[in-house]
Amino acid sequence: MAPERMPTDQLLTVLKGYNTAGERVDQAMQHVADILRERHVSWAAIGETLGVSRQAAWKRFG
């Protein structure tokens, strides 16, 4: 069903699910970044992979 047609309570549940999914993705990305750093992969390489600067990668995951 299109979101525009969903009842409000159902749409709020959908929104909550998206938020939870986002949190799980953030945790998974942090875990992978931690492993890469343990392997001495540079912040520049991590940033390049994500399409951001090394400083932005460090700020997010460092």
N, C-alpha and C. Protein backbone atom coordinates (compact mmCIF):
# COMPACT_ATOMS: atom_id res chain seq x y z
N MET A 1 0.85 -1.18 0.00
CA MET A 1 0.00 0.00 0.00
C MET A 1 0.89 1.24 0.00
N ALA A 2 0.51 2.22 -0.77
CA ALA A 2 1.26 3.47 -0.84
C ALA A 2 1.17 4.19 0.51
N PRO A 3 2.26 4.80 0.96
CA PRO A 3 2.24 5.49 2.25
C PRO A 3 1.11 6.52 2.37
N GLU A 4 0.78 7.17 1.27
CA GLU A 4 -0.28 8.18 1.31
C GLU A 4 -1.63 7.59 1.70
N ARG A 5 -1.79 6.29 1.51
CA ARG A 5 -3.07 5.63 1.78
C ARG A 5 -3.06 4.87 3.11
N MET A 6 -1.92 4.81 3.78
CA MET A 6 -1.83 4.06 5.04
C MET A 6 -2.48 4.83 6.18
N PRO A 7 -3.09 4.10 7.11
CA PRO A 7 -3.58 4.76 8.33
C PRO A 7 -2.40 5.32 9.12
N THR A 8 -2.63 6.34 9.88
CA THR A 8 -1.58 7.02 10.64
C THR A 8 -0.81 6.06 11.54
N ASP A 9 -1.51 5.20 12.29
CA ASP A 9 -0.82 4.30 13.21
C ASP A 9 0.09 3.33 12.46
N GLN A 10 -0.32 2.88 11.30
CA GLN A 10 0.51 1.99 10.49
C GLN A 10 1.72 2.74 9.94
N LEU A 11 1.51 3.97 9.52
CA LEU A 11 2.61 4.78 8.99
C LEU A 11 3.64 5.08 10.07
N LEU A 12 3.19 5.31 11.30
CA LEU A 12 4.12 5.52 12.41
C LEU A 12 4.94 4.26 12.68
N THR A 13 4.32 3.09 12.56
CA THR A 13 5.04 1.83 12.73
C THR A 13 6.09 1.66 11.64
N VAL A 14 5.75 2.01 10.43
CA VAL A 14 6.70 1.94 9.32
C VAL A 14 7.89 2.86 9.60
N LEU A 15 7.61 4.07 10.05
CA LEU A 15 8.67 5.03 10.36
C LEU A 15 9.59 4.49 11.44
N LYS A 16 9.03 3.89 12.47
CA LYS A 16 9.83 3.31 13.55
C LYS A 16 10.74 2.21 13.00
N GLY A 17 10.21 1.38 12.10
CA GLY A 17 11.01 0.32 11.50
C GLY A 17 12.17 0.86 10.70
N TYR A 18 11.94 1.94 9.96
CA TYR A 18 13.03 2.55 9.20
C TYR A 18 14.11 3.08 10.14
N ASN A 19 13.69 3.67 11.25
CA ASN A 19 14.66 4.20 12.21
C ASN A 19 15.50 3.08 12.79
N THR A 20 14.87 1.99 13.16
CA THR A 20 15.58 0.84 13.71
C THR A 20 16.55 0.26 12.69
N ALA A 21 16.10 0.17 11.44
CA ALA A 21 16.97 -0.34 10.38
C ALA A 21 18.18 0.55 10.20
N GLY A 22 17.96 1.86 10.26
CA GLY A 22 19.07 2.81 10.14
C GLY A 22 20.09 2.64 11.25
N GLU A 23 19.60 2.39 12.46
CA GLU A 23 20.51 2.17 13.59
C GLU A 23 21.34 0.90 13.38
N ARG A 24 20.70 -0.15 12.86
CA ARG A 24 21.43 -1.40 12.61
C ARG A 24 22.48 -1.21 11.52
N VAL A 25 22.15 -0.45 10.50
CA VAL A 25 23.11 -0.18 9.43
C VAL A 25 24.29 0.61 9.98
N ASP A 26 24.02 1.63 10.79
CA ASP A 26 25.10 2.42 11.40
C ASP A 26 26.02 1.54 12.23
N GLN A 27 25.43 0.65 13.04
CA GLN A 27 26.24 -0.25 13.87
C GLN A 27 27.09 -1.18 13.01
N ALA A 28 26.51 -1.70 11.95
CA ALA A 28 27.25 -2.60 11.06
C ALA A 28 28.39 -1.87 10.37
N MET A 29 28.14 -0.65 9.92
CA MET A 29 29.19 0.14 9.27
C MET A 29 30.31 0.44 10.25
N GLN A 30 29.97 0.77 11.50
CA GLN A 30 30.99 1.03 12.51
C GLN A 30 31.84 -0.21 12.74
N HIS A 31 31.20 -1.36 12.81
CA HIS A 31 31.93 -2.61 13.04
C HIS A 31 32.92 -2.88 11.89
N VAL A 32 32.46 -2.70 10.66
CA VAL A 32 33.35 -2.92 9.50
C VAL A 32 34.49 -1.91 9.51
N ALA A 33 34.20 -0.65 9.82
CA ALA A 33 35.26 0.37 9.88
C ALA A 33 36.27 0.01 10.96
N ASP A 34 35.81 -0.49 12.10
CA ASP A 34 36.73 -0.90 13.16
C ASP A 34 37.65 -2.02 12.70
N ILE A 35 37.09 -3.00 12.00
CA ILE A 35 37.90 -4.11 11.48
C ILE A 35 38.93 -3.59 10.48
N LEU A 36 38.49 -2.72 9.58
CA LEU A 36 39.42 -2.16 8.60
C LEU A 36 40.56 -1.41 9.27
N ARG A 37 40.25 -0.64 10.29
CA ARG A 37 41.31 0.09 10.99
C ARG A 37 42.26 -0.86 11.71
N GLU A 38 41.70 -1.97 12.28
CA GLU A 38 42.57 -2.98 12.91
C GLU A 38 43.53 -3.58 11.89
N ARG A 39 43.11 -3.59 10.64
CA ARG A 39 43.95 -4.10 9.55
C ARG A 39 44.83 -3.00 8.96
N HIS A 40 44.86 -1.86 9.61
CA HIS A 40 45.68 -0.71 9.22
C HIS A 40 45.28 -0.11 7.88
N VAL A 41 44.01 -0.24 7.52
CA VAL A 41 43.50 0.43 6.32
C VAL A 41 43.38 1.91 6.67
N SER A 42 43.82 2.76 5.78
CA SER A 42 43.85 4.20 6.06
C SER A 42 42.46 4.82 6.06
N TRP A 43 42.36 5.93 6.78
CA TRP A 43 41.11 6.70 6.76
C TRP A 43 40.83 7.21 5.36
N ALA A 44 41.89 7.48 4.61
CA ALA A 44 41.71 7.95 3.23
C ALA A 44 41.03 6.88 2.38
N ALA A 45 41.45 5.62 2.54
CA ALA A 45 40.85 4.53 1.77
C ALA A 45 39.39 4.31 2.18
N ILE A 46 39.12 4.38 3.47
CA ILE A 46 37.75 4.22 3.95
C ILE A 46 36.89 5.36 3.43
N GLY A 47 37.39 6.58 3.54
CA GLY A 47 36.65 7.74 3.05
C GLY A 47 36.38 7.66 1.56
N GLU A 48 37.41 7.25 0.80
CA GLU A 48 37.24 7.15 -0.66
C GLU A 48 36.15 6.13 -1.00
N THR A 49 36.12 5.03 -0.29
CA THR A 49 35.11 4.00 -0.51
C THR A 49 33.70 4.55 -0.27
N LEU A 50 33.57 5.42 0.71
CA LEU A 50 32.26 5.98 1.06
C LEU A 50 31.95 7.27 0.32
N GLY A 51 32.92 7.75 -0.46
CA GLY A 51 32.70 8.99 -1.21
C GLY A 51 32.78 10.24 -0.36
N VAL A 52 33.59 10.16 0.72
CA VAL A 52 33.78 11.31 1.60
C VAL A 52 35.28 11.50 1.84
N SER A 53 35.64 12.58 2.47
CA SER A 53 37.05 12.82 2.79
C SER A 53 37.50 11.90 3.93
N ARG A 54 38.82 11.79 4.06
CA ARG A 54 39.34 10.98 5.17
C ARG A 54 38.94 11.58 6.51
N GLN A 55 38.88 12.92 6.56
CA GLN A 55 38.46 13.59 7.79
C GLN A 55 37.01 13.25 8.14
N ALA A 56 36.16 13.21 7.14
CA ALA A 56 34.74 12.87 7.38
C ALA A 56 34.60 11.43 7.84
N ALA A 57 35.39 10.53 7.25
CA ALA A 57 35.36 9.12 7.67
C ALA A 57 35.83 9.00 9.11
N TRP A 58 36.91 9.68 9.45
CA TRP A 58 37.42 9.62 10.82
C TRP A 58 36.41 10.19 11.81
N LYS A 59 35.79 11.31 11.43
CA LYS A 59 34.81 11.94 12.32
C LYS A 59 33.62 11.01 12.57
N ARG A 60 33.21 10.29 11.54
CA ARG A 60 32.05 9.40 11.69
C ARG A 60 32.40 8.11 12.45
N PHE A 61 33.56 7.53 12.16
CA PHE A 61 33.88 6.21 12.70
C PHE A 61 35.04 6.18 13.68
N GLY A 62 35.81 7.26 13.75
CA GLY A 62 37.02 7.26 14.56
C GLY A 62 36.82 7.31 16.04
